[in-house]
C-alpha atoms as a PDB file:
ATOM      1  CA  UNK A   1     103.690 -43.180  81.552  1.00  0.00           C
ATOM      2  CA  UNK A   2     103.470 -41.031  84.712  1.00  0.00           C
ATOM      3  CA  UNK A   3     104.597 -37.652  86.103  1.00  0.00           C
ATOM      4  CA  UNK A   4     105.978 -36.967  89.599  1.00  0.00           C
ATOM      5  CA  UNK A   5     108.360 -34.864  91.637  1.00  0.00           C
ATOM      6  CA  UNK A   6     111.285 -36.839  93.334  1.00  0.00           C
ATOM      7  CA  UNK A   7     111.015 -37.371  97.034  1.00  0.00           C
ATOM      8  CA  UNK A   8     113.859 -35.039  97.764  1.00  0.00           C
ATOM      9  CA  UNK A   9     112.315 -32.254  95.939  1.00  0.00           C
ATOM     10  CA  UNK A  10     109.373 -32.524  98.216  1.00  0.00           C
ATOM     11  CA  UNK A  11     111.681 -32.749 101.179  1.00  0.00           C
ATOM     12  CA  UNK A  12     113.688 -29.693 100.205  1.00  0.00           C
ATOM     13  CA  UNK A  13     110.664 -27.659  99.137  1.00  0.00           C
ATOM     14  CA  UNK A  14     107.843 -28.640 101.505  1.00  0.00           C
ATOM     15  CA  UNK A  15     105.757 -25.619 100.433  1.00  0.00           C
ATOM     16  CA  UNK A  16     105.513 -26.899  97.009  1.00  0.00           C
ATOM     17  CA  UNK A  17     102.050 -27.236  95.365  1.00  0.00           C
ATOM     18  CA  UNK A  18     101.632 -28.744  91.956  1.00  0.00           C
ATOM     19  CA  UNK A  19      98.625 -28.953  89.683  1.00  0.00           C
ATOM     20  CA  UNK A  20      98.371 -31.229  86.557  1.00  0.00           C
ATOM     21  CA  UNK A  21      96.377 -31.364  83.483  1.00  0.00           C
ATOM     22  CA  UNK A  22      96.351 -34.174  80.829  1.00  0.00           C
ATOM     23  CA  UNK A  23      94.712 -33.106  77.583  1.00  0.00           C
ATOM     24  CA  UNK A  24      94.137 -35.067  74.433  1.00  0.00           C
ATOM     25  CA  UNK A  25      92.548 -33.574  71.315  1.00  0.00           C
ATOM     26  CA  UNK A  26      94.522 -30.358  71.053  1.00  0.00           C
ATOM     27  CA  UNK A  27      95.007 -28.813  67.582  1.00  0.00           C
ATOM     28  CA  UNK A  28      96.094 -25.475  66.249  1.00  0.00           C
ATOM     29  CA  UNK A  29      92.828 -24.649  64.436  1.00  0.00           C
ATOM     30  CA  UNK A  30      91.092 -23.010  67.455  1.00  0.00           C
ATOM     31  CA  UNK A  31      90.629 -19.537  69.035  1.00  0.00           C
ATOM     32  CA  UNK A  32      91.262 -18.947  72.676  1.00  0.00           C
ATOM     33  CA  UNK A  33      91.237 -15.164  72.302  1.00  0.00           C
ATOM     34  CA  UNK A  34      88.375 -14.360  74.476  1.00  0.00           C
ATOM     35  CA  UNK A  35      89.739 -16.381  77.374  1.00  0.00           C
ATOM     36  CA  UNK A  36      93.120 -14.972  76.835  1.00  0.00           C
ATOM     37  CA  UNK A  37      91.846 -11.521  76.982  1.00  0.00           C
ATOM     38  CA  UNK A  38      90.185 -12.041  80.299  1.00  0.00           C
ATOM     39  CA  UNK A  39      93.344 -13.522  81.999  1.00  0.00           C
ATOM     40  CA  UNK A  40      95.646 -10.901  80.470  1.00  0.00           C
ATOM     41  CA  UNK A  41      93.316  -8.149  81.780  1.00  0.00           C
ATOM     42  CA  UNK A  42      93.445  -9.660  85.260  1.00  0.00           C
ATOM     43  CA  UNK A  43      97.253  -9.539  85.116  1.00  0.00           C
ATOM     44  CA  UNK A  44      97.384  -5.995  83.945  1.00  0.00           C
ATOM     45  CA  UNK A  45      95.074  -4.817  86.693  1.00  0.00           C
ATOM     46  CA  UNK A  46      97.444  -6.416  89.248  1.00  0.00           C
ATOM     47  CA  UNK A  47     100.538  -4.853  87.569  1.00  0.00           C
ATOM     48  CA  UNK A  48      98.902  -1.512  87.673  1.00  0.00           C
ATOM     49  CA  UNK A  49      98.959  -1.782  91.456  1.00  0.00           C
ATOM     50  CA  UNK A  50     102.425  -3.130  91.914  1.00  0.00           C
ATOM     51  CA  UNK A  51     105.285  -4.523  89.960  1.00  0.00           C
ATOM     52  CA  UNK A  52     105.726  -8.367  89.551  1.00  0.00           C
ATOM     53  CA  UNK A  53     108.765  -8.450  91.914  1.00  0.00           C
ATOM     54  CA  UNK A  54     106.430  -7.562  94.774  1.00  0.00           C
ATOM     55  CA  UNK A  55     104.113 -10.418  94.023  1.00  0.00           C
ATOM     56  CA  UNK A  56     104.371 -13.148  96.675  1.00  0.00           C
ATOM     57  CA  UNK A  57     104.152 -15.877  94.101  1.00  0.00           C
ATOM     58  CA  UNK A  58     107.187 -14.251  92.393  1.00  0.00           C
ATOM     59  CA  UNK A  59     109.089 -13.791  95.541  1.00  0.00           C
ATOM     60  CA  UNK A  60     108.740 -17.322  96.570  1.00  0.00           C
ATOM     61  CA  UNK A  61     110.331 -18.601  93.391  1.00  0.00           C
ATOM     62  CA  UNK A  62     113.127 -15.912  93.724  1.00  0.00           C
ATOM     63  CA  UNK A  63     113.900 -17.536  97.065  1.00  0.00           C
ATOM     64  CA  UNK A  64     113.897 -20.962  95.631  1.00  0.00           C
ATOM     65  CA  UNK A  65     116.246 -19.944  92.874  1.00  0.00           C
ATOM     66  CA  UNK A  66     118.560 -18.339  95.354  1.00  0.00           C
ATOM     67  CA  UNK A  67     118.512 -21.642  97.374  1.00  0.00           C
ATOM     68  CA  UNK A  68     119.367 -23.533  94.145  1.00  0.00           C
ATOM     69  CA  UNK A  69     122.491 -21.218  93.807  1.00  0.00           C
ATOM     70  CA  UNK A  70     120.927 -19.165  90.998  1.00  0.00           C
ATOM     71  CA  UNK A  71     120.892 -15.385  90.857  1.00  0.00           C
ATOM     72  CA  UNK A  72     117.099 -14.464  90.767  1.00  0.00           C
ATOM     73  CA  UNK A  73     117.684 -11.478  88.528  1.00  0.00           C
ATOM     74  CA  UNK A  74     119.728 -13.574  85.954  1.00  0.00           C
ATOM     75  CA  UNK A  75     117.338 -16.578  85.999  1.00  0.00           C
ATOM     76  CA  UNK A  76     113.708 -16.021  86.500  1.00  0.00           C
ATOM     77  CA  UNK A  77     110.671 -18.191  86.806  1.00  0.00           C
ATOM     78  CA  UNK A  78     108.716 -18.381  83.590  1.00  0.00           C
ATOM     79  CA  UNK A  79     105.798 -16.504  85.124  1.00  0.00           C
ATOM     80  CA  UNK A  80     108.057 -13.697  86.191  1.00  0.00           C
ATOM     81  CA  UNK A  81     109.471 -13.450  82.706  1.00  0.00           C
ATOM     82  CA  UNK A  82     106.026 -13.304  81.210  1.00  0.00           C
ATOM     83  CA  UNK A  83     104.926 -10.677  83.514  1.00  0.00           C
ATOM     84  CA  UNK A  84     108.018  -8.531  82.846  1.00  0.00           C
ATOM     85  CA  UNK A  85     107.332  -8.757  79.225  1.00  0.00           C
ATOM     86  CA  UNK A  86     103.643  -7.913  79.577  1.00  0.00           C
ATOM     87  CA  UNK A  87     104.522  -4.924  81.746  1.00  0.00           C
ATOM     88  CA  UNK A  88     107.142  -3.750  79.183  1.00  0.00           C
ATOM     89  CA  UNK A  89     105.498  -4.519  75.819  1.00  0.00           C
ATOM     90  CA  UNK A  90     101.708  -4.468  76.910  1.00  0.00           C
ATOM     91  CA  UNK A  91     101.116  -7.899  75.141  1.00  0.00           C
ATOM     92  CA  UNK A  92     102.730 -11.256  74.428  1.00  0.00           C
ATOM     93  CA  UNK A  93     103.416 -12.729  70.947  1.00  0.00           C
ATOM     94  CA  UNK A  94     101.025 -15.438  69.784  1.00  0.00           C
ATOM     95  CA  UNK A  95     102.576 -18.883  69.450  1.00  0.00           C
ATOM     96  CA  UNK A  96      99.946 -21.531  69.576  1.00  0.00           C
ATOM     97  CA  UNK A  97      96.378 -21.246  70.979  1.00  0.00           C
ATOM     98  CA  UNK A  98      97.140 -23.573  73.839  1.00  0.00           C
ATOM     99  CA  UNK A  99     100.468 -21.981  74.681  1.00  0.00           C
ATOM    100  CA  UNK A 100      98.883 -18.503  74.403  1.00  0.00           C
ATOM    101  CA  UNK A 101      96.086 -19.571  76.810  1.00  0.00           C
ATOM    102  CA  UNK A 102      98.585 -21.091  79.382  1.00  0.00           C
ATOM    103  CA  UNK A 103     100.755 -18.071  79.186  1.00  0.00           C
ATOM    104  CA  UNK A 104      97.732 -15.751  79.884  1.00  0.00           C
ATOM    105  CA  UNK A 105      96.619 -17.999  82.781  1.00  0.00           C
ATOM    106  CA  UNK A 106     100.289 -17.843  84.096  1.00  0.00           C
ATOM    107  CA  UNK A 107     100.150 -14.100  83.942  1.00  0.00           C
ATOM    108  CA  UNK A 108      96.816 -13.944  85.799  1.00  0.00           C
ATOM    109  CA  UNK A 109      97.851 -16.234  88.606  1.00  0.00           C
ATOM    110  CA  UNK A 110     101.681 -15.291  88.591  1.00  0.00           C
ATOM    111  CA  UNK A 111     102.402 -18.989  88.629  1.00  0.00           C
ATOM    112  CA  UNK A 112     104.746 -20.754  86.215  1.00  0.00           C
ATOM    113  CA  UNK A 113     103.049 -23.225  83.804  1.00  0.00           C
ATOM    114  CA  UNK A 114     104.982 -25.887  81.755  1.00  0.00           C
ATOM    115  CA  UNK A 115     103.326 -27.611  78.774  1.00  0.00           C
ATOM    116  CA  UNK A 116     104.803 -30.668  77.175  1.00  0.00           C
ATOM    117  CA  UNK A 117     104.004 -32.495  73.941  1.00  0.00           C
ATOM    118  CA  UNK A 118     103.773 -36.127  75.337  1.00  0.00           C
ATOM    119  CA  UNK A 119     104.681 -37.633  71.892  1.00  0.00           C
ATOM    120  CA  UNK A 120     108.234 -36.239  72.645  1.00  0.00           C
ATOM    121  CA  UNK A 121     108.405 -37.707  76.229  1.00  0.00           C
ATOM    122  CA  UNK A 122     109.792 -41.122  76.811  1.00  0.00           C
ATOM    123  CA  UNK A 123     108.284 -42.994  79.685  1.00  0.00           C
ATOM    124  CA  UNK A 124     107.939 -41.156  82.909  1.00  0.00           C
ATOM    125  CA  UNK A 125     108.631 -37.495  83.397  1.00  0.00           C
ATOM    126  CA  UNK A 126     110.068 -36.487  86.740  1.00  0.00           C
ATOM    127  CA  UNK A 127     111.051 -33.240  88.437  1.00  0.00           C
ATOM    128  CA  UNK A 128     114.375 -34.163  90.043  1.00  0.00           C
ATOM    129  CA  UNK A 129     117.898 -33.096  90.560  1.00  0.00           C
ATOM    130  CA  UNK A 130     120.204 -33.664  87.575  1.00  0.00           C
ATOM    131  CA  UNK A 131     123.202 -35.883  87.540  1.00  0.00           C
ATOM    132  CA  UNK A 132     124.776 -33.639  84.782  1.00  0.00           C
ATOM    133  CA  UNK A 133     124.565 -36.305  82.061  1.00  0.00           C
ATOM    134  CA  UNK A 134     121.231 -35.455  80.834  1.00  0.00           C
ATOM    135  CA  UNK A 135     120.584 -34.022  77.370  1.00  0.00           C
ATOM    136  CA  UNK A 136     118.737 -30.615  76.968  1.00  0.00           C
ATOM    137  CA  UNK A 137     117.917 -29.245  73.575  1.00  0.00           C
ATOM    138  CA  UNK A 138     117.474 -25.405  73.226  1.00  0.00           C
ATOM    139  CA  UNK A 139     114.724 -23.843  70.956  1.00  0.00           C
ATOM    140  CA  UNK A 140     117.470 -23.057  68.337  1.00  0.00           C
ATOM    141  CA  UNK A 141     118.495 -26.821  68.335  1.00  0.00           C
ATOM    142  CA  UNK A 142     121.667 -26.603  70.358  1.00  0.00           C
ATOM    143  CA  UNK A 143     122.521 -29.386  72.900  1.00  0.00           C
ATOM    144  CA  UNK A 144     123.451 -28.543  76.544  1.00  0.00           C
ATOM    145  CA  UNK A 145     124.004 -30.575  79.618  1.00  0.00           C
ATOM    146  CA  UNK A 146     122.264 -29.420  82.800  1.00  0.00           C
ATOM    147  CA  UNK A 147     124.577 -28.631  85.867  1.00  0.00           C
ATOM    148  CA  UNK A 148     124.990 -31.362  88.450  1.00  0.00           C
ATOM    149  CA  UNK A 149     122.146 -30.955  91.057  1.00  0.00           C
ATOM    150  CA  UNK A 150     120.223 -28.572  88.968  1.00  0.00           C
ATOM    151  CA  UNK A 151     116.460 -29.182  89.119  1.00  0.00           C
ATOM    152  CA  UNK A 152     115.192 -30.437  85.826  1.00  0.00           C
ATOM    153  CA  UNK A 153     112.196 -32.244  84.203  1.00  0.00           C
ATOM    154  CA  UNK A 154     113.668 -35.353  82.967  1.00  0.00           C
ATOM    155  CA  UNK A 155     112.276 -38.378  81.084  1.00  0.00           C
ATOM    156  CA  UNK A 156     113.228 -42.093  81.203  1.00  0.00           C
ATOM    157  CA  UNK A 157     115.858 -41.641  78.567  1.00  0.00           C
ATOM    158  CA  UNK A 158     117.491 -38.850  80.525  1.00  0.00           C
ATOM    159  CA  UNK A 159     116.316 -36.107  78.243  1.00  0.00           C
ATOM    160  CA  UNK A 160     115.843 -32.773  80.146  1.00  0.00           C
ATOM    161  CA  UNK A 161     112.615 -31.211  79.146  1.00  0.00           C
ATOM    162  CA  UNK A 162     113.132 -28.162  81.249  1.00  0.00           C
ATOM    163  CA  UNK A 163     116.099 -26.509  83.028  1.00  0.00           C
ATOM    164  CA  UNK A 164     116.481 -24.638  86.224  1.00  0.00           C
ATOM    165  CA  UNK A 165     113.098 -26.014  87.218  1.00  0.00           C
ATOM    166  CA  UNK A 166     110.631 -23.320  86.175  1.00  0.00           C
ATOM    167  CA  UNK A 167     113.143 -21.213  84.158  1.00  0.00           C
ATOM    168  CA  UNK A 168     113.214 -22.518  80.710  1.00  0.00           C
ATOM    169  CA  UNK A 169     111.661 -25.500  78.799  1.00  0.00           C
ATOM    170  CA  UNK A 170     113.242 -27.572  76.005  1.00  0.00           C
ATOM    171  CA  UNK A 171     112.481 -26.926  72.355  1.00  0.00           C
ATOM    172  CA  UNK A 172     112.409 -30.767  72.005  1.00  0.00           C
ATOM    173  CA  UNK A 173     108.977 -31.202  73.551  1.00  0.00           C
ATOM    174  CA  UNK A 174     107.545 -27.735  72.918  1.00  0.00           C
ATOM    175  CA  UNK A 175     103.910 -27.711  71.588  1.00  0.00           C
ATOM    176  CA  UNK A 176     103.758 -27.395  67.852  1.00  0.00           C
ATOM    177  CA  UNK A 177     101.408 -27.766  64.871  1.00  0.00           C
ATOM    178  CA  UNK A 178     101.344 -31.523  65.143  1.00  0.00           C
ATOM    179  CA  UNK A 179     100.767 -31.681  68.847  1.00  0.00           C
ATOM    180  CA  UNK A 180      97.590 -33.500  70.024  1.00  0.00           C
ATOM    181  CA  UNK A 181      98.250 -34.547  73.573  1.00  0.00           C
ATOM    182  CA  UNK A 182      99.950 -32.551  76.352  1.00  0.00           C
ATOM    183  CA  UNK A 183     100.823 -32.500  80.004  1.00  0.00           C
ATOM    184  CA  UNK A 184     100.366 -29.168  81.778  1.00  0.00           C
ATOM    185  CA  UNK A 185     102.202 -28.680  85.036  1.00  0.00           C
ATOM    186  CA  UNK A 186     101.667 -25.570  87.244  1.00  0.00           C
ATOM    187  CA  UNK A 187     103.836 -25.178  90.354  1.00  0.00           C
ATOM    188  CA  UNK A 188     103.949 -22.590  93.211  1.00  0.00           C
ATOM    189  CA  UNK A 189     105.723 -22.139  96.456  1.00  0.00           C
ATOM    190  CA  UNK A 190     104.158 -19.138  98.163  1.00  0.00           C
ATOM    191  CA  UNK A 191     101.766 -19.264 101.194  1.00  0.00           C
ATOM    192  CA  UNK A 192      98.254 -20.218 100.010  1.00  0.00           C
ATOM    193  CA  UNK A 193      99.808 -21.960  96.964  1.00  0.00           C
ATOM    194  CA  UNK A 194      97.664 -25.021  97.153  1.00  0.00           C
ATOM    195  CA  UNK A 195      94.439 -22.957  96.984  1.00  0.00           C
ATOM    196  CA  UNK A 196      95.738 -20.739  94.192  1.00  0.00           C
ATOM    197  CA  UNK A 197      97.022 -23.686  92.061  1.00  0.00           C
ATOM    198  CA  UNK A 198      93.772 -25.579  92.576  1.00  0.00           C
ATOM    199  CA  UNK A 199      91.842 -22.617  91.160  1.00  0.00           C
ATOM    200  CA  UNK A 200      94.275 -22.128  88.285  1.00  0.00           C
ATOM    201  CA  UNK A 201      93.745 -25.724  87.215  1.00  0.00           C
ATOM    202  CA  UNK A 202      89.989 -25.470  87.535  1.00  0.00           C
ATOM    203  CA  UNK A 203      89.860 -22.289  85.404  1.00  0.00           C
ATOM    204  CA  UNK A 204      92.351 -23.635  82.819  1.00  0.00           C
ATOM    205  CA  UNK A 205      90.465 -26.854  82.495  1.00  0.00           C
ATOM    206  CA  UNK A 206      87.279 -24.911  81.934  1.00  0.00           C
ATOM    207  CA  UNK A 207      88.855 -22.734  79.227  1.00  0.00           C
ATOM    208  CA  UNK A 208      90.483 -25.800  77.499  1.00  0.00           C
ATOM    209  CA  UNK A 209      87.078 -27.623  77.529  1.00  0.00           C
ATOM    210  CA  UNK A 210      85.357 -24.407  75.987  1.00  0.00           C
ATOM    211  CA  UNK A 211      87.877 -23.953  73.283  1.00  0.00           C
ATOM    212  CA  UNK A 212      88.631 -27.579  72.140  1.00  0.00           C
ATOM    213  CA  UNK A 213      85.551 -29.468  73.317  1.00  0.00           C
ATOM    214  CA  UNK A 214      87.610 -31.938  75.399  1.00  0.00           C
ATOM    215  CA  UNK A 215      87.575 -32.785  79.004  1.00  0.00           C
ATOM    216  CA  UNK A 216      91.029 -32.738  80.577  1.00  0.00           C
ATOM    217  CA  UNK A 217      92.067 -34.922  83.427  1.00  0.00           C
ATOM    218  CA  UNK A 218      93.423 -33.100  86.381  1.00  0.00           C
ATOM    219  CA  UNK A 219      95.009 -33.565  89.771  1.00  0.00           C
ATOM    220  CA  UNK A 220      96.624 -31.931  92.542  1.00  0.00           C
ATOM    221  CA  UNK A 221     100.018 -33.457  93.872  1.00  0.00           C
ATOM    222  CA  UNK A 222     101.623 -33.431  97.241  1.00  0.00           C
ATOM    223  CA  UNK A 223     104.232 -35.274  99.121  1.00  0.00           C
ATOM    224  CA  UNK A 224     101.702 -37.954 100.150  1.00  0.00           C
ATOM    225  CA  UNK A 225     100.295 -38.239  96.536  1.00  0.00           C
ATOM    226  CA  UNK A 226     103.238 -37.268  94.282  1.00  0.00           C
ATOM    227  CA  UNK A 227     102.402 -39.248  91.163  1.00  0.00           C
ATOM    228  CA  UNK A 228      99.902 -38.633  88.253  1.00  0.00           C
ATOM    229  CA  UNK A 229      99.481 -41.682  85.939  1.00  0.00           C
ATOM    230  CA  UNK A 230      99.231 -40.674  82.214  1.00  0.00           C
END
């Protein structure tokens, strides 16, 4: 099993930086509240100075979505959606300690983070352009097919685990009460993304280690080293 971005994704988005965490030993009976509070406080401080739409991290994803033929105000990166919700509601709902932690880190860095239950992924997982035949399962259990040439996370069986790149994950491989092993993917396109993603991975790995007493494997990917073996 491995994770990678297809070569044409690197060619079309040369500013992409991606950070990976592979974590085993996850369980729901844990509290990440102290870490979550710190990351959320950092996000709120930044939002107090300017709206999320002014963040360079968010603007870079908006440009990418426009390039993919998507309206940035209709389809938003996951980090932008989280920041909008935090700004409007003041907090995020609790789902699972790992998801809550990753959401808080995403808020603090304004960088989208995807988390996949590896028991629900078949073979390799690749960020690539869709053929249109792939199967995507919504959180409500409905089946969709990505648009042709849409950027998706797809496994060896042709199941799409995320649509519109960083817009929406699938309910099929979402973290749940039985999840024990996950792959975490953070991606950014703004100037200085490599430095920020590297710091994100380091801080998230430290929080995961503290909360679950496990040691994640991590890596930074680029066009010359695009693959992470799981």
